[in-house]
Amino acid sequence: MSHEHTDLDRAAFNAAFYELGLRWHWGDETYDALCALPGERERVQHYLQTQQAHLLRAYDADFLADAILEAKARCRRSLAHCHDLHAGVGWTRWTDARWGEVGI
């Protein structure tokens, strides 16, 4: 997997988290560690189980993974057409953008 492809996927996940109202951000280190797992669903479920286990008391893991992966696919399609991202301009840290707007 190319570095650009990996960066685009990570940015799409972060955009999906923002879209879903989740205050998560996968940085390089987190995403690189998750990429050791064989597939996106496994990565999301592992993250849920290890970092967001409290959500699994209220939501089914498959439901959450499906919602995240569907949002990620939409975001990836949009980001793939963004010239600034391909030109090497930095990625948006979605958690900072959203919570700054509401004063948190």
N, C-alpha and C. Protein backbone atom coordinates (compact mmCIF):
# COMPACT_ATOMS: atom_id res chain seq x y z
N MET A 1 0.85 -1.17 0.00
CA MET A 1 0.00 0.00 0.00
C MET A 1 0.90 1.23 0.00
N SER A 2 0.61 2.17 -0.90
CA SER A 2 1.44 3.36 -0.99
C SER A 2 1.17 4.31 0.18
N HIS A 3 2.14 5.16 0.44
CA HIS A 3 2.01 6.14 1.52
C HIS A 3 0.83 7.07 1.26
N GLU A 4 0.66 7.51 0.00
CA GLU A 4 -0.45 8.40 -0.34
C GLU A 4 -1.78 7.71 -0.10
N HIS A 5 -1.88 6.45 -0.48
CA HIS A 5 -3.11 5.67 -0.29
C HIS A 5 -3.41 5.54 1.20
N THR A 6 -2.39 5.25 1.99
CA THR A 6 -2.55 5.12 3.44
C THR A 6 -2.98 6.44 4.05
N ASP A 7 -2.36 7.55 3.65
CA ASP A 7 -2.72 8.87 4.17
C ASP A 7 -4.16 9.22 3.80
N LEU A 8 -4.57 8.89 2.58
CA LEU A 8 -5.93 9.18 2.15
C LEU A 8 -6.94 8.37 2.97
N ASP A 9 -6.64 7.10 3.20
CA ASP A 9 -7.54 6.27 4.00
C ASP A 9 -7.62 6.76 5.44
N ARG A 10 -6.48 7.12 6.02
CA ARG A 10 -6.48 7.63 7.39
C ARG A 10 -7.28 8.93 7.48
N ALA A 11 -7.08 9.82 6.52
CA ALA A 11 -7.84 11.08 6.50
C ALA A 11 -9.33 10.80 6.33
N ALA A 12 -9.68 9.81 5.53
CA ALA A 12 -11.09 9.46 5.34
C ALA A 12 -11.70 8.91 6.63
N PHE A 13 -10.94 8.10 7.36
CA PHE A 13 -11.44 7.64 8.66
C PHE A 13 -11.66 8.82 9.59
N ASN A 14 -10.70 9.73 9.67
CA ASN A 14 -10.83 10.88 10.56
C ASN A 14 -12.01 11.76 10.17
N ALA A 15 -12.23 11.93 8.87
CA ALA A 15 -13.38 12.69 8.40
C ALA A 15 -14.68 11.97 8.76
N ALA A 16 -14.68 10.65 8.66
CA ALA A 16 -15.86 9.86 9.02
C ALA A 16 -16.17 10.00 10.51
N PHE A 17 -15.13 9.97 11.34
CA PHE A 17 -15.36 10.14 12.77
C PHE A 17 -16.01 11.49 13.03
N TYR A 18 -15.51 12.53 12.37
CA TYR A 18 -16.07 13.87 12.50
C TYR A 18 -17.53 13.88 12.08
N GLU A 19 -17.81 13.28 10.91
CA GLU A 19 -19.17 13.23 10.38
C GLU A 19 -20.13 12.54 11.35
N LEU A 20 -19.65 11.52 12.03
CA LEU A 20 -20.47 10.76 12.96
C LEU A 20 -20.50 11.35 14.37
N GLY A 21 -19.80 12.44 14.58
CA GLY A 21 -19.79 13.09 15.89
C GLY A 21 -18.90 12.41 16.91
N LEU A 22 -17.93 11.64 16.43
CA LEU A 22 -16.99 10.94 17.32
C LEU A 22 -15.74 11.78 17.49
N ARG A 23 -15.31 11.99 18.70
CA ARG A 23 -14.13 12.83 18.99
C ARG A 23 -12.87 11.98 18.94
N TRP A 24 -12.67 11.33 17.83
CA TRP A 24 -11.49 10.49 17.65
C TRP A 24 -10.63 11.08 16.55
N HIS A 25 -9.35 10.79 16.65
CA HIS A 25 -8.41 11.14 15.58
C HIS A 25 -7.34 10.07 15.53
N TRP A 26 -7.21 9.45 14.38
CA TRP A 26 -6.16 8.46 14.20
C TRP A 26 -4.94 9.16 13.61
N GLY A 27 -3.91 9.33 14.42
CA GLY A 27 -2.64 9.86 13.95
C GLY A 27 -1.85 8.76 13.25
N ASP A 28 -0.67 9.13 12.78
CA ASP A 28 0.18 8.17 12.07
C ASP A 28 0.46 6.93 12.90
N GLU A 29 0.82 7.12 14.16
CA GLU A 29 1.20 6.00 15.01
C GLU A 29 0.03 5.03 15.23
N THR A 30 -1.13 5.58 15.53
CA THR A 30 -2.32 4.74 15.75
C THR A 30 -2.69 4.00 14.48
N TYR A 31 -2.74 4.73 13.37
CA TYR A 31 -3.15 4.09 12.11
C TYR A 31 -2.14 3.05 11.65
N ASP A 32 -0.86 3.35 11.80
CA ASP A 32 0.16 2.36 11.42
C ASP A 32 0.01 1.08 12.23
N ALA A 33 -0.25 1.21 13.53
CA ALA A 33 -0.44 0.02 14.37
C ALA A 33 -1.67 -0.75 13.94
N LEU A 34 -2.76 -0.04 13.63
CA LEU A 34 -3.98 -0.72 13.20
C LEU A 34 -3.81 -1.40 11.83
N CYS A 35 -2.95 -0.85 10.99
CA CYS A 35 -2.73 -1.44 9.67
C CYS A 35 -2.07 -2.82 9.74
N ALA A 36 -1.56 -3.18 10.91
CA ALA A 36 -1.01 -4.53 11.07
C ALA A 36 -2.12 -5.58 11.03
N LEU A 37 -3.37 -5.15 11.25
CA LEU A 37 -4.51 -6.06 11.18
C LEU A 37 -4.94 -6.21 9.73
N PRO A 38 -5.55 -7.35 9.37
CA PRO A 38 -5.76 -7.68 7.96
C PRO A 38 -6.79 -6.85 7.19
N GLY A 39 -7.77 -6.24 7.83
CA GLY A 39 -8.78 -5.53 7.07
C GLY A 39 -9.36 -4.36 7.84
N GLU A 40 -10.09 -3.50 7.12
CA GLU A 40 -10.65 -2.31 7.75
C GLU A 40 -11.62 -2.64 8.87
N ARG A 41 -12.50 -3.61 8.65
CA ARG A 41 -13.47 -3.98 9.69
C ARG A 41 -12.74 -4.44 10.95
N GLU A 42 -11.70 -5.24 10.77
CA GLU A 42 -10.93 -5.72 11.91
C GLU A 42 -10.25 -4.57 12.64
N ARG A 43 -9.75 -3.60 11.87
CA ARG A 43 -9.10 -2.43 12.48
C ARG A 43 -10.08 -1.63 13.32
N VAL A 44 -11.26 -1.38 12.74
CA VAL A 44 -12.27 -0.60 13.46
C VAL A 44 -12.72 -1.35 14.70
N GLN A 45 -13.00 -2.62 14.57
CA GLN A 45 -13.47 -3.39 15.72
C GLN A 45 -12.40 -3.50 16.81
N HIS A 46 -11.16 -3.65 16.41
CA HIS A 46 -10.07 -3.70 17.39
C HIS A 46 -9.98 -2.37 18.14
N TYR A 47 -10.06 -1.28 17.41
CA TYR A 47 -10.01 0.04 18.04
C TYR A 47 -11.18 0.22 19.01
N LEU A 48 -12.37 -0.19 18.58
CA LEU A 48 -13.53 -0.11 19.46
C LEU A 48 -13.31 -0.92 20.74
N GLN A 49 -12.82 -2.12 20.59
CA GLN A 49 -12.64 -3.02 21.74
C GLN A 49 -11.54 -2.53 22.68
N THR A 50 -10.50 -1.94 22.13
CA THR A 50 -9.36 -1.57 22.97
C THR A 50 -9.37 -0.11 23.43
N GLN A 51 -9.99 0.77 22.65
CA GLN A 51 -9.93 2.20 22.98
C GLN A 51 -11.28 2.84 23.27
N GLN A 52 -12.35 2.19 22.85
CA GLN A 52 -13.69 2.78 23.01
C GLN A 52 -14.68 1.73 23.52
N ALA A 53 -14.22 0.85 24.36
CA ALA A 53 -15.03 -0.28 24.83
C ALA A 53 -16.33 0.18 25.50
N HIS A 54 -16.33 1.36 26.09
CA HIS A 54 -17.56 1.85 26.73
C HIS A 54 -18.72 1.96 25.74
N LEU A 55 -18.42 2.22 24.48
CA LEU A 55 -19.48 2.32 23.47
C LEU A 55 -20.13 0.97 23.20
N LEU A 56 -19.38 -0.09 23.42
CA LEU A 56 -19.91 -1.43 23.15
C LEU A 56 -20.93 -1.88 24.19
N ARG A 57 -21.05 -1.14 25.26
CA ARG A 57 -22.11 -1.42 26.24
C ARG A 57 -23.45 -0.91 25.73
N ALA A 58 -23.42 0.09 24.86
CA ALA A 58 -24.65 0.69 24.35
C ALA A 58 -24.94 0.34 22.89
N TYR A 59 -23.89 0.04 22.12
CA TYR A 59 -24.05 -0.22 20.68
C TYR A 59 -23.41 -1.55 20.31
N ASP A 60 -24.00 -2.20 19.34
CA ASP A 60 -23.45 -3.43 18.78
C ASP A 60 -22.19 -3.08 17.97
N ALA A 61 -21.15 -3.88 18.13
CA ALA A 61 -19.88 -3.63 17.44
C ALA A 61 -20.06 -3.62 15.92
N ASP A 62 -20.88 -4.53 15.39
CA ASP A 62 -21.10 -4.56 13.95
C ASP A 62 -21.83 -3.31 13.47
N PHE A 63 -22.79 -2.84 14.26
CA PHE A 63 -23.51 -1.61 13.91
C PHE A 63 -22.53 -0.43 13.83
N LEU A 64 -21.69 -0.28 14.84
CA LEU A 64 -20.72 0.81 14.85
C LEU A 64 -19.73 0.69 13.70
N ALA A 65 -19.21 -0.51 13.49
CA ALA A 65 -18.25 -0.71 12.40
C ALA A 65 -18.89 -0.39 11.06
N ASP A 66 -20.12 -0.84 10.84
CA ASP A 66 -20.81 -0.55 9.57
C ASP A 66 -20.98 0.95 9.37
N ALA A 67 -21.42 1.65 10.42
CA ALA A 67 -21.62 3.09 10.32
C ALA A 67 -20.32 3.81 9.99
N ILE A 68 -19.25 3.42 10.67
CA ILE A 68 -17.94 4.04 10.44
C ILE A 68 -17.44 3.74 9.04
N LEU A 69 -17.53 2.49 8.60
CA LEU A 69 -17.02 2.12 7.28
C LEU A 69 -17.83 2.74 6.15
N GLU A 70 -19.14 2.88 6.33
CA GLU A 70 -19.96 3.54 5.32
C GLU A 70 -19.60 5.03 5.22
N ALA A 71 -19.45 5.67 6.37
CA ALA A 71 -19.06 7.09 6.37
C ALA A 71 -17.66 7.26 5.80
N LYS A 72 -16.76 6.35 6.14
CA LYS A 72 -15.38 6.42 5.62
C LYS A 72 -15.38 6.31 4.10
N ALA A 73 -16.20 5.42 3.54
CA ALA A 73 -16.26 5.26 2.08
C ALA A 73 -16.74 6.56 1.42
N ARG A 74 -17.77 7.18 1.99
CA ARG A 74 -18.25 8.46 1.45
C ARG A 74 -17.17 9.53 1.52
N CYS A 75 -16.53 9.61 2.66
CA CYS A 75 -15.49 10.63 2.86
C CYS A 75 -14.30 10.38 1.94
N ARG A 76 -13.94 9.13 1.75
CA ARG A 76 -12.80 8.82 0.89
C ARG A 76 -13.08 9.24 -0.55
N ARG A 77 -14.30 8.99 -1.01
CA ARG A 77 -14.65 9.41 -2.38
C ARG A 77 -14.52 10.93 -2.51
N SER A 78 -14.96 11.66 -1.51
CA SER A 78 -14.86 13.12 -1.56
C SER A 78 -13.41 13.58 -1.48
N LEU A 79 -12.65 13.00 -0.57
CA LEU A 79 -11.26 13.41 -0.40
C LEU A 79 -10.40 13.04 -1.59
N ALA A 80 -10.74 11.97 -2.28
CA ALA A 80 -9.95 11.54 -3.43
C ALA A 80 -9.95 12.58 -4.54
N HIS A 81 -10.96 13.44 -4.54
CA HIS A 81 -11.07 14.48 -5.57
C HIS A 81 -10.56 15.83 -5.11
N CYS A 82 -10.02 15.89 -3.92
CA CYS A 82 -9.56 17.16 -3.35
C CYS A 82 -8.11 17.42 -3.78
N HIS A 83 -7.91 18.43 -4.57
CA HIS A 83 -6.59 18.75 -5.11
C HIS A 83 -5.58 19.06 -4.01
N ASP A 84 -5.97 19.82 -3.00
CA ASP A 84 -5.04 20.21 -1.94
C ASP A 84 -4.44 19.00 -1.22
N LEU A 85 -5.23 17.96 -1.05
CA LEU A 85 -4.72 16.79 -0.36
C LEU A 85 -3.65 16.08 -1.19
N HIS A 86 -3.87 16.03 -2.50
CA HIS A 86 -2.89 15.37 -3.36
C HIS A 86 -1.64 16.23 -3.56
N ALA A 87 -1.77 17.52 -3.31
CA ALA A 87 -0.63 18.43 -3.47
C ALA A 87 0.26 18.45 -2.24
N GLY A 88 -0.09 17.64 -1.25
CA GLY A 88 0.76 17.56 -0.06
C GLY A 88 0.40 18.54 1.03
N VAL A 89 -0.69 19.26 0.86
CA VAL A 89 -1.14 20.17 1.90
C VAL A 89 -1.63 19.32 3.06
N GLY A 90 -1.40 19.76 4.28
CA GLY A 90 -1.70 18.96 5.47
C GLY A 90 -3.14 18.51 5.57
N TRP A 91 -3.33 17.49 6.39
CA TRP A 91 -4.65 16.93 6.63
C TRP A 91 -5.35 17.71 7.72
N THR A 92 -6.64 17.75 7.66
CA THR A 92 -7.43 18.41 8.70
C THR A 92 -7.52 17.51 9.92
N ARG A 93 -7.34 18.09 11.05
CA ARG A 93 -7.58 17.37 12.30
C ARG A 93 -9.02 17.66 12.68
N TRP A 94 -9.91 16.76 12.30
CA TRP A 94 -11.35 16.99 12.38
C TRP A 94 -11.81 17.26 13.80
N THR A 95 -11.21 16.64 14.78
CA THR A 95 -11.65 16.85 16.16
C THR A 95 -11.41 18.30 16.57
N ASP A 96 -10.31 18.88 16.16
CA ASP A 96 -10.04 20.28 16.48
C ASP A 96 -11.05 21.21 15.82
N ALA A 97 -11.36 20.94 14.57
CA ALA A 97 -12.28 21.80 13.83
C ALA A 97 -13.67 21.79 14.44
N ARG A 98 -14.18 20.63 14.74
CA ARG A 98 -15.55 20.54 15.24
C ARG A 98 -15.69 21.13 16.63
N TRP A 99 -14.84 20.74 17.54
CA TRP A 99 -15.05 21.15 18.92
C TRP A 99 -14.63 22.60 19.13
N GLY A 100 -13.80 23.14 18.27
CA GLY A 100 -13.52 24.55 18.36
C GLY A 100 -14.74 25.39 18.03
N GLU A 101 -15.58 24.90 17.12
CA GLU A 101 -16.78 25.62 16.71
C GLU A 101 -17.81 25.71 17.82
N VAL A 102 -17.91 24.69 18.65
CA VAL A 102 -18.92 24.69 19.69
C VAL A 102 -18.36 25.15 21.02
N GLY A 103 -17.12 25.59 21.03
CA GLY A 103 -16.53 26.16 22.22
C GLY A 103 -16.06 25.18 23.26
N ILE A 104 -15.87 23.95 22.87
CA ILE A 104 -15.38 22.94 23.83
C ILE A 104 -13.88 22.93 23.84
